[in-house]
Amino acid sequence: MDLRQLEIFVKVAELGSFSRAAQALFLTQPTVSEHIRTLEDELGVRLLDRLGRGAAVTKGGALLLGYAQRMLALSREARGPLLAAAPEYLEAAFEEIDSAHGSFDGYLYERLGVTESALEQMRAHLLED
């Protein structure tokens, strides 16, 4: 179980839809489904009931949901001071990703399943600031 899987699970639970969660997270729907399936397999518990075009949290999913939300909140809380204290580490990480994958966009696409249209939306959002 990793934080990315938990983030995806929480988003599907909040939105009640794999496709809306995928859109909100700038992922493809199959990528979201695979992360959920992997998490369910690892835990040995069905977390979501697939209901036609939607999804509903099961009893087991409801148990995990509260923990997942707290774990994600703690992760965000911990990142803030670390990122503020050491921006040079971010630059080094981006350089490492660029050298290993050709580009940061390539990394997002290959490793995380981020779609080209989502990359364009992210670029546009970043350029607005």
N, C-alpha and C. Protein backbone atom coordinates (compact mmCIF):
# COMPACT_ATOMS: atom_id res chain seq x y z
N MET A 1 0.85 -1.17 0.00
CA MET A 1 0.00 0.00 0.00
C MET A 1 0.90 1.23 0.00
N ASP A 2 0.60 2.16 -0.91
CA ASP A 2 1.37 3.39 -0.93
C ASP A 2 0.42 4.59 -0.94
N LEU A 3 1.00 5.76 -0.75
CA LEU A 3 0.18 6.97 -0.65
C LEU A 3 -0.56 7.27 -1.95
N ARG A 4 0.03 6.96 -3.08
CA ARG A 4 -0.65 7.21 -4.36
C ARG A 4 -1.91 6.36 -4.46
N GLN A 5 -1.82 5.10 -4.09
CA GLN A 5 -3.00 4.24 -4.10
C GLN A 5 -4.08 4.79 -3.18
N LEU A 6 -3.66 5.25 -2.01
CA LEU A 6 -4.62 5.80 -1.05
C LEU A 6 -5.25 7.08 -1.58
N GLU A 7 -4.45 7.92 -2.22
CA GLU A 7 -4.98 9.15 -2.80
C GLU A 7 -6.05 8.84 -3.85
N ILE A 8 -5.77 7.86 -4.69
CA ILE A 8 -6.71 7.47 -5.73
C ILE A 8 -7.97 6.87 -5.11
N PHE A 9 -7.81 6.01 -4.12
CA PHE A 9 -8.96 5.42 -3.44
C PHE A 9 -9.85 6.50 -2.82
N VAL A 10 -9.24 7.45 -2.13
CA VAL A 10 -10.01 8.53 -1.49
C VAL A 10 -10.77 9.34 -2.54
N LYS A 11 -10.13 9.63 -3.66
CA LYS A 11 -10.78 10.43 -4.70
C LYS A 11 -11.97 9.67 -5.31
N VAL A 12 -11.81 8.38 -5.56
CA VAL A 12 -12.93 7.59 -6.08
C VAL A 12 -14.06 7.56 -5.06
N ALA A 13 -13.71 7.36 -3.80
CA ALA A 13 -14.73 7.34 -2.74
C ALA A 13 -15.46 8.68 -2.65
N GLU A 14 -14.72 9.78 -2.72
CA GLU A 14 -15.33 11.11 -2.61
C GLU A 14 -16.23 11.42 -3.79
N LEU A 15 -15.79 11.06 -4.99
CA LEU A 15 -16.54 11.41 -6.20
C LEU A 15 -17.53 10.34 -6.64
N GLY A 16 -17.39 9.13 -6.08
CA GLY A 16 -18.31 8.05 -6.43
C GLY A 16 -18.19 7.58 -7.86
N SER A 17 -17.02 7.78 -8.45
CA SER A 17 -16.84 7.44 -9.86
C SER A 17 -15.36 7.27 -10.18
N PHE A 18 -15.05 6.17 -10.88
CA PHE A 18 -13.68 5.94 -11.33
C PHE A 18 -13.30 6.98 -12.39
N SER A 19 -14.20 7.25 -13.32
CA SER A 19 -13.87 8.17 -14.40
C SER A 19 -13.73 9.61 -13.91
N ARG A 20 -14.58 10.05 -12.99
CA ARG A 20 -14.45 11.41 -12.47
C ARG A 20 -13.18 11.54 -11.62
N ALA A 21 -12.85 10.48 -10.88
CA ALA A 21 -11.60 10.49 -10.11
C ALA A 21 -10.40 10.56 -11.04
N ALA A 22 -10.44 9.80 -12.13
CA ALA A 22 -9.35 9.83 -13.10
C ALA A 22 -9.17 11.23 -13.65
N GLN A 23 -10.26 11.86 -14.01
CA GLN A 23 -10.20 13.21 -14.55
C GLN A 23 -9.64 14.19 -13.52
N ALA A 24 -10.10 14.09 -12.29
CA ALA A 24 -9.64 15.00 -11.24
C ALA A 24 -8.16 14.82 -10.93
N LEU A 25 -7.66 13.60 -11.08
CA LEU A 25 -6.26 13.29 -10.77
C LEU A 25 -5.35 13.33 -12.00
N PHE A 26 -5.92 13.70 -13.15
CA PHE A 26 -5.16 13.75 -14.40
C PHE A 26 -4.57 12.38 -14.75
N LEU A 27 -5.39 11.33 -14.57
CA LEU A 27 -4.99 9.97 -14.90
C LEU A 27 -6.00 9.39 -15.88
N THR A 28 -5.65 8.25 -16.44
CA THR A 28 -6.62 7.53 -17.26
C THR A 28 -7.49 6.67 -16.33
N GLN A 29 -8.69 6.35 -16.79
CA GLN A 29 -9.58 5.51 -15.98
C GLN A 29 -8.98 4.12 -15.74
N PRO A 30 -8.34 3.48 -16.75
CA PRO A 30 -7.72 2.18 -16.49
C PRO A 30 -6.62 2.25 -15.42
N THR A 31 -5.88 3.36 -15.38
CA THR A 31 -4.84 3.51 -14.37
C THR A 31 -5.46 3.57 -12.98
N VAL A 32 -6.55 4.31 -12.84
CA VAL A 32 -7.25 4.39 -11.55
C VAL A 32 -7.76 3.01 -11.15
N SER A 33 -8.39 2.31 -12.09
CA SER A 33 -8.90 0.96 -11.80
C SER A 33 -7.79 0.01 -11.36
N GLU A 34 -6.65 0.09 -12.01
CA GLU A 34 -5.52 -0.79 -11.67
C GLU A 34 -5.00 -0.49 -10.27
N HIS A 35 -4.89 0.77 -9.91
CA HIS A 35 -4.43 1.13 -8.56
C HIS A 35 -5.41 0.60 -7.51
N ILE A 36 -6.70 0.74 -7.75
CA ILE A 36 -7.70 0.25 -6.80
C ILE A 36 -7.64 -1.27 -6.70
N ARG A 37 -7.55 -1.93 -7.85
CA ARG A 37 -7.48 -3.40 -7.86
C ARG A 37 -6.24 -3.89 -7.10
N THR A 38 -5.11 -3.23 -7.30
CA THR A 38 -3.87 -3.60 -6.61
C THR A 38 -4.02 -3.42 -5.10
N LEU A 39 -4.61 -2.31 -4.70
CA LEU A 39 -4.84 -2.05 -3.27
C LEU A 39 -5.77 -3.09 -2.67
N GLU A 40 -6.85 -3.40 -3.36
CA GLU A 40 -7.79 -4.41 -2.87
C GLU A 40 -7.12 -5.78 -2.77
N ASP A 41 -6.33 -6.13 -3.76
CA ASP A 41 -5.62 -7.42 -3.73
C ASP A 41 -4.64 -7.48 -2.56
N GLU A 42 -3.91 -6.40 -2.35
CA GLU A 42 -2.94 -6.37 -1.26
C GLU A 42 -3.61 -6.50 0.10
N LEU A 43 -4.74 -5.81 0.27
CA LEU A 43 -5.43 -5.83 1.56
C LEU A 43 -6.36 -7.04 1.72
N GLY A 44 -6.70 -7.67 0.60
CA GLY A 44 -7.60 -8.82 0.65
C GLY A 44 -9.03 -8.41 0.99
N VAL A 45 -9.40 -7.18 0.67
CA VAL A 45 -10.72 -6.64 0.99
C VAL A 45 -11.24 -5.87 -0.21
N ARG A 46 -12.49 -6.08 -0.54
CA ARG A 46 -13.12 -5.26 -1.58
C ARG A 46 -13.45 -3.90 -0.97
N LEU A 47 -12.90 -2.84 -1.54
CA LEU A 47 -13.06 -1.51 -0.99
C LEU A 47 -14.20 -0.73 -1.61
N LEU A 48 -14.49 -1.05 -2.86
CA LEU A 48 -15.51 -0.32 -3.61
C LEU A 48 -16.42 -1.30 -4.35
N ASP A 49 -17.71 -1.03 -4.33
CA ASP A 49 -18.65 -1.75 -5.17
C ASP A 49 -18.77 -0.99 -6.47
N ARG A 50 -18.59 -1.68 -7.58
CA ARG A 50 -18.73 -1.05 -8.89
C ARG A 50 -20.20 -1.09 -9.25
N LEU A 51 -20.79 0.06 -9.46
CA LEU A 51 -22.23 0.18 -9.72
C LEU A 51 -22.45 0.85 -11.07
N GLY A 52 -22.47 0.06 -12.12
CA GLY A 52 -22.66 0.65 -13.44
C GLY A 52 -21.60 1.68 -13.73
N ARG A 53 -21.99 2.95 -13.75
CA ARG A 53 -21.04 4.02 -14.03
C ARG A 53 -20.51 4.66 -12.76
N GLY A 54 -20.86 4.10 -11.61
CA GLY A 54 -20.42 4.69 -10.35
C GLY A 54 -19.72 3.69 -9.46
N ALA A 55 -19.39 4.15 -8.26
CA ALA A 55 -18.73 3.30 -7.27
C ALA A 55 -19.21 3.72 -5.89
N ALA A 56 -19.39 2.73 -5.03
CA ALA A 56 -19.80 3.00 -3.65
C ALA A 56 -18.83 2.31 -2.71
N VAL A 57 -18.52 2.97 -1.61
CA VAL A 57 -17.59 2.44 -0.62
C VAL A 57 -18.26 1.28 0.12
N THR A 58 -17.53 0.18 0.27
CA THR A 58 -18.01 -0.96 1.04
C THR A 58 -17.73 -0.72 2.52
N LYS A 59 -18.16 -1.66 3.38
CA LYS A 59 -17.86 -1.53 4.81
C LYS A 59 -16.35 -1.51 5.03
N GLY A 60 -15.64 -2.41 4.35
CA GLY A 60 -14.17 -2.43 4.47
C GLY A 60 -13.56 -1.15 3.94
N GLY A 61 -14.12 -0.63 2.85
CA GLY A 61 -13.64 0.62 2.29
C GLY A 61 -13.86 1.79 3.23
N ALA A 62 -14.99 1.77 3.92
CA ALA A 62 -15.28 2.84 4.89
C ALA A 62 -14.28 2.83 6.03
N LEU A 63 -13.88 1.64 6.46
CA LEU A 63 -12.86 1.54 7.51
C LEU A 63 -11.54 2.15 7.04
N LEU A 64 -11.14 1.82 5.82
CA LEU A 64 -9.88 2.32 5.30
C LEU A 64 -9.95 3.82 5.01
N LEU A 65 -11.10 4.32 4.59
CA LEU A 65 -11.23 5.70 4.14
C LEU A 65 -10.75 6.71 5.18
N GLY A 66 -11.18 6.55 6.42
CA GLY A 66 -10.76 7.48 7.47
C GLY A 66 -9.26 7.46 7.69
N TYR A 67 -8.70 6.26 7.72
CA TYR A 67 -7.25 6.15 7.89
C TYR A 67 -6.53 6.77 6.69
N ALA A 68 -7.01 6.48 5.50
CA ALA A 68 -6.37 7.00 4.29
C ALA A 68 -6.38 8.52 4.28
N GLN A 69 -7.49 9.12 4.65
CA GLN A 69 -7.58 10.58 4.68
C GLN A 69 -6.59 11.17 5.69
N ARG A 70 -6.47 10.53 6.83
CA ARG A 70 -5.52 11.02 7.84
C ARG A 70 -4.08 10.86 7.38
N MET A 71 -3.77 9.71 6.75
CA MET A 71 -2.41 9.47 6.25
C MET A 71 -2.04 10.49 5.18
N LEU A 72 -2.97 10.81 4.30
CA LEU A 72 -2.70 11.79 3.26
C LEU A 72 -2.52 13.18 3.85
N ALA A 73 -3.32 13.50 4.86
CA ALA A 73 -3.19 14.80 5.53
C ALA A 73 -1.82 14.91 6.21
N LEU A 74 -1.39 13.85 6.87
CA LEU A 74 -0.08 13.84 7.52
C LEU A 74 1.05 13.98 6.49
N SER A 75 0.88 13.33 5.36
CA SER A 75 1.89 13.43 4.30
C SER A 75 2.00 14.86 3.80
N ARG A 76 0.86 15.53 3.56
CA ARG A 76 0.89 16.93 3.13
C ARG A 76 1.50 17.81 4.21
N GLU A 77 1.15 17.54 5.47
CA GLU A 77 1.68 18.32 6.58
C GLU A 77 3.20 18.19 6.67
N ALA A 78 3.71 16.99 6.48
CA ALA A 78 5.15 16.75 6.57
C ALA A 78 5.90 17.36 5.40
N ARG A 79 5.28 17.36 4.22
CA ARG A 79 5.95 17.88 3.02
C ARG A 79 6.19 19.37 3.08
N GLY A 80 5.26 20.12 3.61
CA GLY A 80 5.37 21.57 3.62
C GLY A 80 6.70 22.08 4.14
N PRO A 81 7.03 21.78 5.39
CA PRO A 81 8.31 22.27 5.93
C PRO A 81 9.52 21.70 5.22
N LEU A 82 9.43 20.46 4.78
CA LEU A 82 10.57 19.86 4.08
C LEU A 82 10.83 20.56 2.75
N LEU A 83 9.77 20.84 2.01
CA LEU A 83 9.94 21.50 0.72
C LEU A 83 10.42 22.94 0.90
N ALA A 84 9.90 23.61 1.91
CA ALA A 84 10.31 24.99 2.15
C ALA A 84 11.78 25.06 2.58
N ALA A 85 12.23 24.05 3.31
CA ALA A 85 13.59 24.06 3.84
C ALA A 85 14.63 23.65 2.81
N ALA A 86 14.23 22.92 1.78
CA ALA A 86 15.24 22.37 0.88
C ALA A 86 14.79 22.39 -0.58
N PRO A 87 14.55 23.57 -1.18
CA PRO A 87 14.13 23.61 -2.58
C PRO A 87 15.18 23.05 -3.54
N GLU A 88 16.44 23.08 -3.14
CA GLU A 88 17.48 22.54 -4.02
C GLU A 88 17.31 21.04 -4.24
N TYR A 89 16.70 20.33 -3.28
CA TYR A 89 16.45 18.90 -3.46
C TYR A 89 15.43 18.66 -4.56
N LEU A 90 14.44 19.54 -4.67
CA LEU A 90 13.46 19.41 -5.74
C LEU A 90 14.12 19.58 -7.10
N GLU A 91 14.97 20.57 -7.21
CA GLU A 91 15.65 20.80 -8.47
C GLU A 91 16.48 19.57 -8.85
N ALA A 92 17.18 18.99 -7.88
CA ALA A 92 17.98 17.79 -8.14
C ALA A 92 17.08 16.62 -8.54
N ALA A 93 15.92 16.50 -7.91
CA ALA A 93 15.01 15.41 -8.25
C ALA A 93 14.48 15.56 -9.67
N PHE A 94 14.12 16.78 -10.06
CA PHE A 94 13.65 17.02 -11.43
C PHE A 94 14.75 16.70 -12.44
N GLU A 95 15.99 17.09 -12.14
CA GLU A 95 17.10 16.79 -13.03
C GLU A 95 17.30 15.28 -13.16
N GLU A 96 17.18 14.57 -12.05
CA GLU A 96 17.33 13.12 -12.07
C GLU A 96 16.23 12.46 -12.91
N ILE A 97 15.00 12.93 -12.74
CA ILE A 97 13.88 12.41 -13.54
C ILE A 97 14.10 12.71 -15.01
N ASP A 98 14.52 13.94 -15.32
CA ASP A 98 14.78 14.31 -16.71
C ASP A 98 15.83 13.41 -17.34
N SER A 99 16.91 13.14 -16.62
CA SER A 99 17.98 12.32 -17.20
C SER A 99 17.56 10.86 -17.34
N ALA A 100 16.74 10.37 -16.43
CA ALA A 100 16.31 8.97 -16.49
C ALA A 100 15.19 8.73 -17.49
N HIS A 101 14.33 9.73 -17.70
CA HIS A 101 13.14 9.53 -18.53
C HIS A 101 13.08 10.45 -19.74
N GLY A 102 14.09 11.25 -19.95
CA GLY A 102 14.09 12.15 -21.08
C GLY A 102 13.40 13.47 -20.80
N SER A 103 12.38 13.43 -19.97
CA SER A 103 11.68 14.65 -19.58
C SER A 103 10.77 14.34 -18.41
N PHE A 104 10.38 15.38 -17.71
CA PHE A 104 9.44 15.20 -16.61
C PHE A 104 8.09 14.76 -17.15
N ASP A 105 7.68 15.32 -18.30
CA ASP A 105 6.42 14.91 -18.93
C ASP A 105 6.45 13.42 -19.25
N GLY A 106 7.59 12.95 -19.77
CA GLY A 106 7.72 11.53 -20.09
C GLY A 106 7.56 10.66 -18.85
N TYR A 107 8.12 11.12 -17.75
CA TYR A 107 7.98 10.39 -16.48
C TYR A 107 6.52 10.34 -16.06
N LEU A 108 5.84 11.48 -16.11
CA LEU A 108 4.43 11.51 -15.71
C LEU A 108 3.60 10.58 -16.58
N TYR A 109 3.89 10.56 -17.86
CA TYR A 109 3.14 9.71 -18.79
C TYR A 109 3.45 8.24 -18.58
N GLU A 110 4.73 7.89 -18.55
CA GLU A 110 5.15 6.49 -18.48
C GLU A 110 4.87 5.85 -17.12
N ARG A 111 5.25 6.54 -16.04
CA ARG A 111 5.15 5.94 -14.71
C ARG A 111 3.79 6.11 -14.05
N LEU A 112 3.14 7.24 -14.32
CA LEU A 112 1.92 7.55 -13.60
C LEU A 112 0.67 7.49 -14.45
N GLY A 113 0.82 7.31 -15.75
CA GLY A 113 -0.34 7.21 -16.62
C GLY A 113 -1.05 8.53 -16.87
N VAL A 114 -0.35 9.63 -16.71
CA VAL A 114 -0.96 10.95 -16.95
C VAL A 114 -1.13 11.13 -18.46
N THR A 115 -2.32 11.52 -18.87
CA THR A 115 -2.61 11.67 -20.30
C THR A 115 -2.00 12.95 -20.86
N GLU A 116 -1.85 12.99 -22.19
CA GLU A 116 -1.30 14.18 -22.84
C GLU A 116 -2.18 15.40 -22.60
N SER A 117 -3.50 15.23 -22.67
CA SER A 117 -4.38 16.38 -22.43
C SER A 117 -4.26 16.87 -20.99
N ALA A 118 -4.07 15.96 -20.05
CA ALA A 118 -3.88 16.37 -18.66
C ALA A 118 -2.56 17.12 -18.50
N LEU A 119 -1.51 16.67 -19.20
CA LEU A 119 -0.23 17.38 -19.16
C LEU A 119 -0.40 18.81 -19.68
N GLU A 120 -1.16 18.96 -20.75
CA GLU A 120 -1.40 20.29 -21.31
C GLU A 120 -2.16 21.16 -20.32
N GLN A 121 -3.14 20.59 -19.64
CA GLN A 121 -3.90 21.34 -18.63
C GLN A 121 -2.99 21.77 -17.48
N MET A 122 -2.12 20.87 -17.05
CA MET A 122 -1.19 21.21 -15.96
C MET A 122 -0.25 22.32 -16.39
N ARG A 123 0.30 22.23 -17.62
CA ARG A 123 1.18 23.27 -18.11
C ARG A 123 0.48 24.62 -18.14
N ALA A 124 -0.75 24.64 -18.66
CA ALA A 124 -1.52 25.89 -18.74
C ALA A 124 -1.76 26.46 -17.35
N HIS A 125 -2.09 25.59 -16.40
CA HIS A 125 -2.33 26.05 -15.02
C HIS A 125 -1.07 26.63 -14.42
N LEU A 126 0.07 25.99 -14.64
CA LEU A 126 1.33 26.46 -14.08
C LEU A 126 1.76 27.79 -14.71
N LEU A 127 1.44 27.97 -15.98
CA LEU A 127 1.83 29.19 -16.66
C LEU A 127 0.94 30.37 -16.29
N GLU A 128 -0.25 30.09 -15.74
CA GLU A 128 -1.15 31.15 -15.31
C GLU A 128 -0.55 31.96 -14.17
N ASP A 129 0.21 31.31 -13.31
CA ASP A 129 0.73 31.97 -12.10
C ASP A 129 1.83 32.90 -12.38
